[in-house]
Structures are given as structure tokens and as C-alpha cells.
PDB file of N, CA and C in Angstrom:
ATOM      1  N   MET A   1       0.832  -1.180   0.000  1.00  0.00           N
ATOM      2  CA  MET A   1       0.000   0.000   0.000  1.00  0.00           C
ATOM      3  C   MET A   1       0.872   1.237   0.000  1.00  0.00           C
ATOM      4  N   GLY A   2       0.297   2.338  -0.389  1.00  0.00           N
ATOM      5  CA  GLY A   2       1.019   3.596  -0.445  1.00  0.00           C
ATOM      6  C   GLY A   2       1.158   4.246   0.909  1.00  0.00           C
ATOM      7  N   SER A   3       1.518   5.512   0.883  1.00  0.00           N
ATOM      8  CA  SER A   3       1.771   6.231   2.134  1.00  0.00           C
ATOM      9  C   SER A   3       0.508   6.445   2.948  1.00  0.00           C
ATOM     10  N   SER A   4      -0.640   6.258   2.346  1.00  0.00           N
ATOM     11  CA  SER A   4      -1.895   6.432   3.083  1.00  0.00           C
ATOM     12  C   SER A   4      -2.505   5.079   3.405  1.00  0.00           C
ATOM     13  N   SER A   5      -1.693   4.161   3.853  1.00  0.00           N
ATOM     14  CA  SER A   5      -2.138   2.793   4.073  1.00  0.00           C
ATOM     15  C   SER A   5      -3.123   2.669   5.217  1.00  0.00           C
ATOM     16  N   PHE A   6      -3.662   1.466   5.339  1.00  0.00           N
ATOM     17  CA  PHE A   6      -4.715   1.155   6.295  1.00  0.00           C
ATOM     18  C   PHE A   6      -4.350   1.533   7.721  1.00  0.00           C
ATOM     19  N   LEU A   7      -3.138   1.296   8.145  1.00  0.00           N
ATOM     20  CA  LEU A   7      -2.753   1.543   9.528  1.00  0.00           C
ATOM     21  C   LEU A   7      -2.011   2.872   9.657  1.00  0.00           C
ATOM     22  N   THR A   8      -2.665   3.936   9.325  1.00  0.00           N
ATOM     23  CA  THR A   8      -2.065   5.260   9.461  1.00  0.00           C
ATOM     24  C   THR A   8      -2.539   5.898  10.745  1.00  0.00           C
ATOM     25  N   THR A   9      -2.000   7.061  11.031  1.00  0.00           N
ATOM     26  CA  THR A   9      -2.413   7.765  12.242  1.00  0.00           C
ATOM     27  C   THR A   9      -3.770   8.433  12.068  1.00  0.00           C
ATOM     28  N   THR A  10      -4.315   8.405  10.876  1.00  0.00           N
ATOM     29  CA  THR A  10      -5.614   9.022  10.662  1.00  0.00           C
ATOM     30  C   THR A  10      -6.749   8.014  10.707  1.00  0.00           C
ATOM     31  N   GLY A  11      -6.449   6.773  10.944  1.00  0.00           N
ATOM     32  CA  GLY A  11      -7.508   5.779  11.049  1.00  0.00           C
ATOM     33  C   GLY A  11      -7.496   4.799   9.902  1.00  0.00           C
ATOM     34  N   PRO A  12      -8.534   3.983   9.793  1.00  0.00           N
ATOM     35  CA  PRO A  12      -8.568   2.910   8.797  1.00  0.00           C
ATOM     36  C   PRO A  12      -8.977   3.437   7.425  1.00  0.00           C
ATOM     37  N   PHE A  13      -8.074   4.124   6.766  1.00  0.00           N
ATOM     38  CA  PHE A  13      -8.398   4.731   5.482  1.00  0.00           C
ATOM     39  C   PHE A  13      -7.206   4.587   4.551  1.00  0.00           C
ATOM     40  N   ASP A  14      -7.474   4.254   3.318  1.00  0.00           N
ATOM     41  CA  ASP A  14      -6.431   4.167   2.309  1.00  0.00           C
ATOM     42  C   ASP A  14      -6.954   4.816   1.043  1.00  0.00           C
ATOM     43  N   SER A  15      -6.452   6.003   0.745  1.00  0.00           N
ATOM     44  CA  SER A  15      -6.952   6.739  -0.412  1.00  0.00           C
ATOM     45  C   SER A  15      -6.648   6.047  -1.729  1.00  0.00           C
ATOM     46  N   SER A  16      -5.704   5.103  -1.747  1.00  0.00           N
ATOM     47  CA  SER A  16      -5.405   4.399  -2.993  1.00  0.00           C
ATOM     48  C   SER A  16      -6.577   3.537  -3.451  1.00  0.00           C
ATOM     49  N   VAL A  17      -7.528   3.271  -2.557  1.00  0.00           N
ATOM     50  CA  VAL A  17      -8.731   2.524  -2.943  1.00  0.00           C
ATOM     51  C   VAL A  17      -9.434   3.243  -4.090  1.00  0.00           C
ATOM     52  N   TYR A  18      -9.491   4.572  -4.030  1.00  0.00           N
ATOM     53  CA  TYR A  18     -10.174   5.328  -5.075  1.00  0.00           C
ATOM     54  C   TYR A  18      -9.435   5.261  -6.405  1.00  0.00           C
ATOM     55  N   ALA A  19      -8.105   5.281  -6.365  1.00  0.00           N
ATOM     56  CA  ALA A  19      -7.334   5.141  -7.596  1.00  0.00           C
ATOM     57  C   ALA A  19      -7.534   3.753  -8.191  1.00  0.00           C
ATOM     58  N   THR A  20      -7.576   2.742  -7.337  1.00  0.00           N
ATOM     59  CA  THR A  20      -7.807   1.375  -7.811  1.00  0.00           C
ATOM     60  C   THR A  20      -9.191   1.254  -8.439  1.00  0.00           C
ATOM     61  N   LEU A  21     -10.191   1.840  -7.802  1.00  0.00           N
ATOM     62  CA  LEU A  21     -11.548   1.793  -8.363  1.00  0.00           C
ATOM     63  C   LEU A  21     -11.612   2.511  -9.708  1.00  0.00           C
ATOM     64  N   GLU A  22     -10.922   3.641  -9.835  1.00  0.00           N
ATOM     65  CA  GLU A  22     -10.881   4.351 -11.123  1.00  0.00           C
ATOM     66  C   GLU A  22     -10.209   3.487 -12.186  1.00  0.00           C
ATOM     67  N   GLN A  23      -9.145   2.786 -11.828  1.00  0.00           N
ATOM     68  CA  GLN A  23      -8.466   1.897 -12.768  1.00  0.00           C
ATOM     69  C   GLN A  23      -9.393   0.754 -13.185  1.00  0.00           C
ATOM     70  N   LEU A  24     -10.122   0.186 -12.221  1.00  0.00           N
ATOM     71  CA  LEU A  24     -11.077  -0.884 -12.553  1.00  0.00           C
ATOM     72  C   LEU A  24     -12.170  -0.363 -13.479  1.00  0.00           C
ATOM     73  N   ARG A  25     -12.610   0.874 -13.262  1.00  0.00           N
ATOM     74  CA  ARG A  25     -13.601   1.458 -14.168  1.00  0.00           C
ATOM     75  C   ARG A  25     -13.001   1.614 -15.559  1.00  0.00           C
ATOM     76  N   HIS A  26     -11.777   2.103 -15.633  1.00  0.00           N
ATOM     77  CA  HIS A  26     -11.096   2.286 -16.911  1.00  0.00           C
ATOM     78  C   HIS A  26     -10.970   0.963 -17.662  1.00  0.00           C
ATOM     79  N   GLU A  27     -10.760  -0.135 -16.925  1.00  0.00           N
ATOM     80  CA  GLU A  27     -10.630  -1.466 -17.530  1.00  0.00           C
ATOM     81  C   GLU A  27     -11.981  -2.116 -17.806  1.00  0.00           C
ATOM     82  N   GLY A  28     -13.085  -1.436 -17.432  1.00  0.00           N
ATOM     83  CA  GLY A  28     -14.415  -1.979 -17.667  1.00  0.00           C
ATOM     84  C   GLY A  28     -14.836  -3.026 -16.657  1.00  0.00           C
ATOM     85  N   LEU A  29     -14.138  -3.084 -15.518  1.00  0.00           N
ATOM     86  CA  LEU A  29     -14.427  -4.100 -14.520  1.00  0.00           C
ATOM     87  C   LEU A  29     -15.318  -3.595 -13.387  1.00  0.00           C
ATOM     88  N   ALA A  30     -15.474  -2.296 -13.262  1.00  0.00           N
ATOM     89  CA  ALA A  30     -16.319  -1.706 -12.220  1.00  0.00           C
ATOM     90  C   ALA A  30     -17.004  -0.475 -12.793  1.00  0.00           C
ATOM     91  N   SER A  31     -18.113  -0.114 -12.179  1.00  0.00           N
ATOM     92  CA  SER A  31     -18.784   1.128 -12.537  1.00  0.00           C
ATOM     93  C   SER A  31     -18.883   1.988 -11.287  1.00  0.00           C
ATOM     94  N   ILE A  32     -18.851   3.296 -11.514  1.00  0.00           N
ATOM     95  CA  ILE A  32     -18.941   4.266 -10.420  1.00  0.00           C
ATOM     96  C   ILE A  32     -20.078   5.213 -10.752  1.00  0.00           C
ATOM     97  N   ASP A  33     -21.042   5.270  -9.874  1.00  0.00           N
ATOM     98  CA  ASP A  33     -22.177   6.185 -10.048  1.00  0.00           C
ATOM     99  C   ASP A  33     -21.962   7.360  -9.118  1.00  0.00           C
ATOM    100  N   ASP A  34     -21.668   8.509  -9.702  1.00  0.00           N
ATOM    101  CA  ASP A  34     -21.479   9.704  -8.890  1.00  0.00           C
ATOM    102  C   ASP A  34     -22.553  10.750  -9.180  1.00  0.00           C
ATOM    103  N   SER A  35     -23.707  10.276  -9.610  1.00  0.00           N
ATOM    104  CA  SER A  35     -24.791  11.202  -9.957  1.00  0.00           C
ATOM    105  C   SER A  35     -25.352  11.929  -8.745  1.00  0.00           C
ATOM    106  N   ARG A  36     -25.092  11.411  -7.546  1.00  0.00           N
ATOM    107  CA  ARG A  36     -25.580  12.060  -6.327  1.00  0.00           C
ATOM    108  C   ARG A  36     -24.510  12.948  -5.690  1.00  0.00           C
ATOM    109  N   GLY A  37     -23.425  13.207  -6.392  1.00  0.00           N
ATOM    110  CA  GLY A  37     -22.346  14.032  -5.864  1.00  0.00           C
ATOM    111  C   GLY A  37     -21.153  13.191  -5.473  1.00  0.00           C
ATOM    112  N   SER A  38     -19.994  13.815  -5.431  1.00  0.00           N
ATOM    113  CA  SER A  38     -18.753  13.071  -5.205  1.00  0.00           C
ATOM    114  C   SER A  38     -18.693  12.403  -3.843  1.00  0.00           C
ATOM    115  N   SER A  39     -19.415  12.903  -2.857  1.00  0.00           N
ATOM    116  CA  SER A  39     -19.355  12.283  -1.541  1.00  0.00           C
ATOM    117  C   SER A  39     -20.353  11.132  -1.396  1.00  0.00           C
ATOM    118  N   ARG A  40     -21.146  10.880  -2.424  1.00  0.00           N
ATOM    119  CA  ARG A  40     -22.162   9.814  -2.345  1.00  0.00           C
ATOM    120  C   ARG A  40     -22.060   8.876  -3.531  1.00  0.00           C
ATOM    121  N   ARG A  41     -20.882   8.467  -3.843  1.00  0.00           N
ATOM    122  CA  ARG A  41     -20.680   7.554  -4.962  1.00  0.00           C
ATOM    123  C   ARG A  41     -21.083   6.133  -4.577  1.00  0.00           C
ATOM    124  N   THR A  42     -21.523   5.396  -5.573  1.00  0.00           N
ATOM    125  CA  THR A  42     -21.757   3.967  -5.388  1.00  0.00           C
ATOM    126  C   THR A  42     -20.883   3.229  -6.399  1.00  0.00           C
ATOM    127  N   TYR A  43     -20.407   2.083  -5.987  1.00  0.00           N
ATOM    128  CA  TYR A  43     -19.479   1.290  -6.784  1.00  0.00           C
ATOM    129  C   TYR A  43     -20.047  -0.105  -6.949  1.00  0.00           C
ATOM    130  N   GLU A  44     -19.878  -0.663  -8.153  1.00  0.00           N
ATOM    131  CA  GLU A  44     -20.292  -2.044  -8.353  1.00  0.00           C
ATOM    132  C   GLU A  44     -19.504  -2.659  -9.492  1.00  0.00           C
ATOM    133  N   LEU A  45     -19.440  -3.988  -9.453  1.00  0.00           N
ATOM    134  CA  LEU A  45     -18.774  -4.718 -10.520  1.00  0.00           C
ATOM    135  C   LEU A  45     -19.615  -4.686 -11.780  1.00  0.00           C
ATOM    136  N   THR A  46     -18.954  -4.644 -12.906  1.00  0.00           N
ATOM    137  CA  THR A  46     -19.632  -4.875 -14.176  1.00  0.00           C
ATOM    138  C   THR A  46     -19.689  -6.388 -14.379  1.00  0.00           C
ATOM    139  N   GLN A  47     -20.356  -6.828 -15.427  1.00  0.00           N
ATOM    140  CA  GLN A  47     -20.382  -8.263 -15.739  1.00  0.00           C
ATOM    141  C   GLN A  47     -18.964  -8.774 -15.980  1.00  0.00           C
ATOM    142  N   ALA A  48     -18.141  -7.956 -16.658  1.00  0.00           N
ATOM    143  CA  ALA A  48     -16.754  -8.356 -16.904  1.00  0.00           C
ATOM    144  C   ALA A  48     -15.985  -8.454 -15.583  1.00  0.00           C
ATOM    145  N   GLY A  49     -16.243  -7.541 -14.658  1.00  0.00           N
ATOM    146  CA  GLY A  49     -15.591  -7.581 -13.354  1.00  0.00           C
ATOM    147  C   GLY A  49     -16.006  -8.801 -12.553  1.00  0.00           C
ATOM    148  N   LEU A  50     -17.277  -9.126 -12.612  1.00  0.00           N
ATOM    149  CA  LEU A  50     -17.773 -10.316 -11.920  1.00  0.00           C
ATOM    150  C   LEU A  50     -17.126 -11.579 -12.498  1.00  0.00           C
ATOM    151  N   ALA A  51     -17.024 -11.642 -13.818  1.00  0.00           N
ATOM    152  CA  ALA A  51     -16.393 -12.797 -14.454  1.00  0.00           C
ATOM    153  C   ALA A  51     -14.920 -12.895 -14.061  1.00  0.00           C
ATOM    154  N   ARG A  52     -14.222 -11.770 -14.046  1.00  0.00           N
ATOM    155  CA  ARG A  52     -12.808 -11.788 -13.660  1.00  0.00           C
ATOM    156  C   ARG A  52     -12.656 -12.238 -12.218  1.00  0.00           C
ATOM    157  N   GLY A  53     -13.472 -11.693 -11.321  1.00  0.00           N
ATOM    158  CA  GLY A  53     -13.408 -12.085  -9.912  1.00  0.00           C
ATOM    159  C   GLY A  53     -13.737 -13.544  -9.702  1.00  0.00           C
ATOM    160  N   SER A  54     -14.720 -14.036 -10.411  1.00  0.00           N
ATOM    161  CA  SER A  54     -15.085 -15.457 -10.301  1.00  0.00           C
ATOM    162  C   SER A  54     -13.945 -16.349 -10.755  1.00  0.00           C
ATOM    163  N   GLY A  55     -13.276 -15.932 -11.823  1.00  0.00           N
ATOM    164  CA  GLY A  55     -12.133 -16.697 -12.305  1.00  0.00           C
ATOM    165  C   GLY A  55     -11.000 -16.720 -11.295  1.00  0.00           C
ATOM    166  N   LEU A  56     -10.747 -15.599 -10.674  1.00  0.00           N
ATOM    167  CA  LEU A  56      -9.703 -15.540  -9.651  1.00  0.00           C
ATOM    168  C   LEU A  56     -10.084 -16.354  -8.422  1.00  0.00           C
ATOM    169  N   ALA A  57     -11.355 -16.305  -8.045  1.00  0.00           N
ATOM    170  CA  ALA A  57     -11.818 -17.051  -6.865  1.00  0.00           C
ATOM    171  C   ALA A  57     -11.659 -18.553  -7.059  1.00  0.00           C
ATOM    172  N   ARG A  58     -11.768 -19.036  -8.301  1.00  0.00           N
ATOM    173  CA  ARG A  58     -11.611 -20.475  -8.559  1.00  0.00           C
ATOM    174  C   ARG A  58     -10.190 -20.959  -8.264  1.00  0.00           C
ATOM    175  N   ARG A  59      -9.249 -20.032  -8.191  1.00  0.00           N
ATOM    176  CA  ARG A  59      -7.858 -20.399  -7.888  1.00  0.00           C
ATOM    177  C   ARG A  59      -7.613 -20.510  -6.381  1.00  0.00           C
ATOM    178  N   LEU A  60      -8.565 -20.088  -5.572  1.00  0.00           N
ATOM    179  CA  LEU A  60      -8.396 -20.059  -4.124  1.00  0.00           C
ATOM    180  C   LEU A  60      -9.017 -21.283  -3.476  1.00  0.00           C
ATOM    181  N   ASP A  61      -8.551 -21.591  -2.265  1.00  0.00           N
ATOM    182  CA  ASP A  61      -9.148 -22.709  -1.542  1.00  0.00           C
ATOM    183  C   ASP A  61     -10.517 -22.305  -1.000  1.00  0.00           C
ATOM    184  N   ALA A  62     -11.334 -23.298  -0.701  1.00  0.00           N
ATOM    185  CA  ALA A  62     -12.720 -23.070  -0.277  1.00  0.00           C
ATOM    186  C   ALA A  62     -12.810 -22.242   1.000  1.00  0.00           C
ATOM    187  N   GLU A  63     -11.892 -22.438   1.927  1.00  0.00           N
ATOM    188  CA  GLU A  63     -11.926 -21.678   3.181  1.00  0.00           C
ATOM    189  C   GLU A  63     -11.709 -20.191   2.926  1.00  0.00           C
ATOM    190  N   THR A  64     -10.770 -19.861   2.059  1.00  0.00           N
ATOM    191  CA  THR A  64     -10.500 -18.458   1.737  1.00  0.00           C
ATOM    192  C   THR A  64     -11.694 -17.828   1.034  1.00  0.00           C
ATOM    193  N   VAL A  65     -12.270 -18.541   0.088  1.00  0.00           N
ATOM    194  CA  VAL A  65     -13.450 -18.030  -0.634  1.00  0.00           C
ATOM    195  C   VAL A  65     -14.600 -17.810   0.340  1.00  0.00           C
ATOM    196  N   GLY A  66     -14.820 -18.744   1.247  1.00  0.00           N
ATOM    197  CA  GLY A  66     -15.885 -18.595   2.237  1.00  0.00           C
ATOM    198  C   GLY A  66     -15.661 -17.383   3.130  1.00  0.00           C
ATOM    199  N   TYR A  67     -14.421 -17.177   3.551  1.00  0.00           N
ATOM    200  CA  TYR A  67     -14.097 -16.021   4.380  1.00  0.00           C
ATOM    201  C   TYR A  67     -14.346 -14.726   3.613  1.00  0.00           C
ATOM    202  N   MET A  68     -13.901 -14.668   2.374  1.00  0.00           N
ATOM    203  CA  MET A  68     -14.100 -13.462   1.564  1.00  0.00           C
ATOM    204  C   MET A  68     -15.582 -13.181   1.354  1.00  0.00           C
ATOM    205  N   ARG A  69     -16.363 -14.213   1.141  1.00  0.00           N
ATOM    206  CA  ARG A  69     -17.809 -14.021   0.989  1.00  0.00           C
ATOM    207  C   ARG A  69     -18.430 -13.475   2.273  1.00  0.00           C
ATOM    208  N   ALA A  70     -18.026 -14.029   3.400  1.00  0.00           N
ATOM    209  CA  ALA A  70     -18.566 -13.573   4.691  1.00  0.00           C
ATOM    210  C   ALA A  70     -18.199 -12.115   4.949  1.00  0.00           C
ATOM    211  N   VAL A  71     -16.969 -11.743   4.661  1.00  0.00           N
ATOM    212  CA  VAL A  71     -16.548 -10.349   4.842  1.00  0.00           C
ATOM    213  C   VAL A  71     -17.351  -9.445   3.920  1.00  0.00           C
ATOM    214  N   GLY A  72     -17.495  -9.841   2.666  1.00  0.00           N
ATOM    215  CA  GLY A  72     -18.268  -9.034   1.719  1.00  0.00           C
ATOM    216  C   GLY A  72     -19.707  -8.841   2.161  1.00  0.00           C
ATOM    217  N   GLU A  73     -20.327  -9.906   2.643  1.00  0.00           N
ATOM    218  CA  GLU A  73     -21.710  -9.806   3.120  1.00  0.00           C
ATOM    219  C   GLU A  73     -21.807  -8.882   4.324  1.00  0.00           C
ATOM    220  N   PHE A  74     -20.836  -8.990   5.231  1.00  0.00           N
ATOM    221  CA  PHE A  74     -20.838  -8.117   6.403  1.00  0.00           C
ATOM    222  C   PHE A  74     -20.694  -6.658   5.988  1.00  0.00           C
ATOM    223  N   VAL A  75     -19.743  -6.370   5.131  1.00  0.00           N
ATOM    224  CA  VAL A  75     -19.502  -4.985   4.701  1.00  0.00           C
ATOM    225  C   VAL A  75     -20.732  -4.416   4.003  1.00  0.00           C
ATOM    226  N   ARG A  76     -21.331  -5.199   3.106  1.00  0.00           N
ATOM    227  CA  ARG A  76     -22.508  -4.707   2.371  1.00  0.00           C
ATOM    228  C   ARG A  76     -23.720  -4.518   3.271  1.00  0.00           C
ATOM    229  N   SER A  77     -23.748  -5.193   4.417  1.00  0.00           N
ATOM    230  CA  SER A  77     -24.894  -5.069   5.320  1.00  0.00           C
ATOM    231  C   SER A  77     -24.791  -3.843   6.225  1.00  0.00           C
ATOM    232  N   GLN A  78     -23.653  -3.163   6.204  1.00  0.00           N
ATOM    233  CA  GLN A  78     -23.406  -2.031   7.100  1.00  0.00           C
ATOM    234  C   GLN A  78     -23.616  -0.694   6.400  1.00  0.00           C
ATOM    235  N   SER A  79     -24.028   0.289   7.163  1.00  0.00           N
ATOM    236  CA  SER A  79     -23.941   1.666   6.686  1.00  0.00           C
ATOM    237  C   SER A  79     -22.476   2.068   6.809  1.00  0.00           C
ATOM    238  N   PHE A  80     -22.091   3.195   6.219  1.00  0.00           N
ATOM    239  CA  PHE A  80     -20.713   3.657   6.350  1.00  0.00           C
ATOM    240  C   PHE A  80     -20.367   3.858   7.822  1.00  0.00           C
ATOM    241  N   ALA A  81     -21.239   4.553   8.544  1.00  0.00           N
ATOM    242  CA  ALA A  81     -20.984   4.816   9.967  1.00  0.00           C
ATOM    243  C   ALA A  81     -20.901   3.511  10.752  1.00  0.00           C
ATOM    244  N   GLY A  82     -21.758   2.562  10.445  1.00  0.00           N
ATOM    245  CA  GLY A  82     -21.740   1.281  11.136  1.00  0.00           C
ATOM    246  C   GLY A  82     -20.473   0.504  10.863  1.00  0.00           C
ATOM    247  N   LEU A  83     -20.001   0.545   9.625  1.00  0.00           N
ATOM    248  CA  LEU A  83     -18.782  -0.159   9.273  1.00  0.00           C
ATOM    249  C   LEU A  83     -17.578   0.444   9.992  1.00  0.00           C
ATOM    250  N   VAL A  84     -17.458   1.766   9.947  1.00  0.00           N
ATOM    251  CA  VAL A  84     -16.335   2.416  10.622  1.00  0.00           C
ATOM    252  C   VAL A  84     -16.412   2.178  12.126  1.00  0.00           C
ATOM    253  N   SER A  85     -17.597   2.247  12.693  1.00  0.00           N
ATOM    254  CA  SER A  85     -17.754   1.983  14.124  1.00  0.00           C
ATOM    255  C   SER A  85     -17.344   0.563  14.481  1.00  0.00           C
ATOM    256  N   SER A  86     -17.662  -0.394  13.619  1.00  0.00           N
ATOM    257  CA  SER A  86     -17.252  -1.782  13.850  1.00  0.00           C
ATOM    258  C   SER A  86     -15.742  -1.917  13.840  1.00  0.00           C
ATOM    259  N   ILE A  87     -15.097  -1.228  12.923  1.00  0.00           N
ATOM    260  CA  ILE A  87     -13.633  -1.257  12.860  1.00  0.00           C
ATOM    261  C   ILE A  87     -13.050  -0.647  14.128  1.00  0.00           C
ATOM    262  N   TYR A  88     -13.594   0.477  14.557  1.00  0.00           N
ATOM    263  CA  TYR A  88     -13.084   1.136  15.762  1.00  0.00           C
ATOM    264  C   TYR A  88     -13.331   0.297  17.017  1.00  0.00           C
ATOM    265  N   LYS A  89     -14.408  -0.462  17.027  1.00  0.00           N
ATOM    266  CA  LYS A  89     -14.672  -1.329  18.177  1.00  0.00           C
ATOM    267  C   LYS A  89     -13.622  -2.439  18.253  1.00  0.00           C
ATOM    268  N   ALA A  90     -13.273  -2.991  17.094  1.00  0.00           N
ATOM    269  CA  ALA A  90     -12.278  -4.062  17.054  1.00  0.00           C
ATOM    270  C   ALA A  90     -10.856  -3.540  17.206  1.00  0.00           C
ATOM    271  N   TYR A  91     -10.617  -2.322  16.726  1.00  0.00           N
ATOM    272  CA  TYR A  91      -9.274  -1.727  16.755  1.00  0.00           C
ATOM    273  C   TYR A  91      -9.364  -0.304  17.293  1.00  0.00           C
ATOM    274  N   PRO A  92      -9.593  -0.138  18.594  1.00  0.00           N
ATOM    275  CA  PRO A  92      -9.821   1.196  19.164  1.00  0.00           C
ATOM    276  C   PRO A  92      -8.670   2.167  18.960  1.00  0.00           C
ATOM    277  N   GLU A  93      -7.461   1.668  18.785  1.00  0.00           N
ATOM    278  CA  GLU A  93      -6.323   2.563  18.581  1.00  0.00           C
ATOM    279  C   GLU A  93      -6.432   3.349  17.274  1.00  0.00           C
ATOM    280  N   MET A  94      -7.217   2.871  16.331  1.00  0.00           N
ATOM    281  CA  MET A  94      -7.397   3.558  15.052  1.00  0.00           C
ATOM    282  C   MET A  94      -8.289   4.791  15.178  1.00  0.00           C
ATOM    283  N   LYS A  95      -9.089   4.856  16.200  1.00  0.00           N
ATOM    284  CA  LYS A  95     -10.024   5.969  16.352  1.00  0.00           C
ATOM    285  C   LYS A  95      -9.350   7.227  16.889  1.00  0.00           C
ATOM    286  N   VAL A  96      -8.235   7.078  17.549  1.00  0.00           N
ATOM    287  CA  VAL A  96      -7.587   8.167  18.273  1.00  0.00           C
ATOM    288  C   VAL A  96      -7.435   9.431  17.431  1.00  0.00           C
ATOM    289  N   ASN A  97      -6.895   9.317  16.225  1.00  0.00           N
ATOM    290  CA  ASN A  97      -6.614  10.489  15.384  1.00  0.00           C
ATOM    291  C   ASN A  97      -7.558  10.623  14.197  1.00  0.00           C
ATOM    292  N   SER A  98      -8.628   9.867  14.193  1.00  0.00           N
ATOM    293  CA  SER A  98      -9.534   9.870  13.053  1.00  0.00           C
ATOM    294  C   SER A  98     -10.431  11.095  13.049  1.00  0.00           C
ATOM    295  N   VAL A  99     -10.719  11.586  11.843  1.00  0.00           N
ATOM    296  CA  VAL A  99     -11.666  12.688  11.715  1.00  0.00           C
ATOM    297  C   VAL A  99     -13.097  12.179  11.878  1.00  0.00           C
ATOM    298  N   PHE A 100     -13.308  10.879  11.652  1.00  0.00           N
ATOM    299  CA  PHE A 100     -14.630  10.287  11.822  1.00  0.00           C
ATOM    300  C   PHE A 100     -14.712   9.726  13.225  1.00  0.00           C
ATOM    301  N   GLN A 101     -15.587  10.239  14.030  1.00  0.00           N
ATOM    302  CA  GLN A 101     -15.693   9.804  15.428  1.00  0.00           C
ATOM    303  C   GLN A 101     -16.964   9.033  15.703  1.00  0.00           C
ATOM    304  N   GLY A 102     -17.583   8.476  14.682  1.00  0.00           N
ATOM    305  CA  GLY A 102     -18.826   7.726  14.834  1.00  0.00           C
ATOM    306  C   GLY A 102     -18.695   6.442  15.578  1.00  0.00           C
TER     307      GLY A 102
END
């Protein structure tokens, strides 16, 4: 990860996620809907992205795939505030310098 990695003094944030998502959009693997403004973007896989991910998942063992599915389901079931709060509950040291105090 870059200089803004997950374990920074500002909390669980990595700005390179946005560059990666833009690259995936450029490759036709993801779509970004920013019609509600830049702070309310939604991201999703395209059919090509789903096919690529499925192909990669077939290379992994069943336990890893199951774990990734469980994490994905958990993340998608959370609001942004709920997700960040869950991270801070598990890793309270990340909240200390965060701008998000939810």
C-alpha cells in the first residue's frame, strides 16, 4: 500500500482505494455512479468484473473463498458509519486520530 495505508495515524483509510476503483472502471471491470455528488458515490462490478473475480476465486481454496464471501456480506450489510464503528470497536487505537468519530 502507499503512504496512506490502512494503519495510518488518521484511522482505517487508504486513499489508494479510489485510484484502484478508477483503474477498474477504466478497464471496464467496475462502474462508479457519482450522480448524487462526489461524496455519495456507489461502486459495483460490471459483468466483466464479476467474471474476472469469479475466475480468480476459482484459484483459491474453499476456506478463503468462504471467508471473503462472509466479509463481503458483512460490509454490504453495514452503513458507512456502522462499518467504521465496527472497525473502531475491534481496533480502538485507530479511532484516536480519526476525523470520523462515529
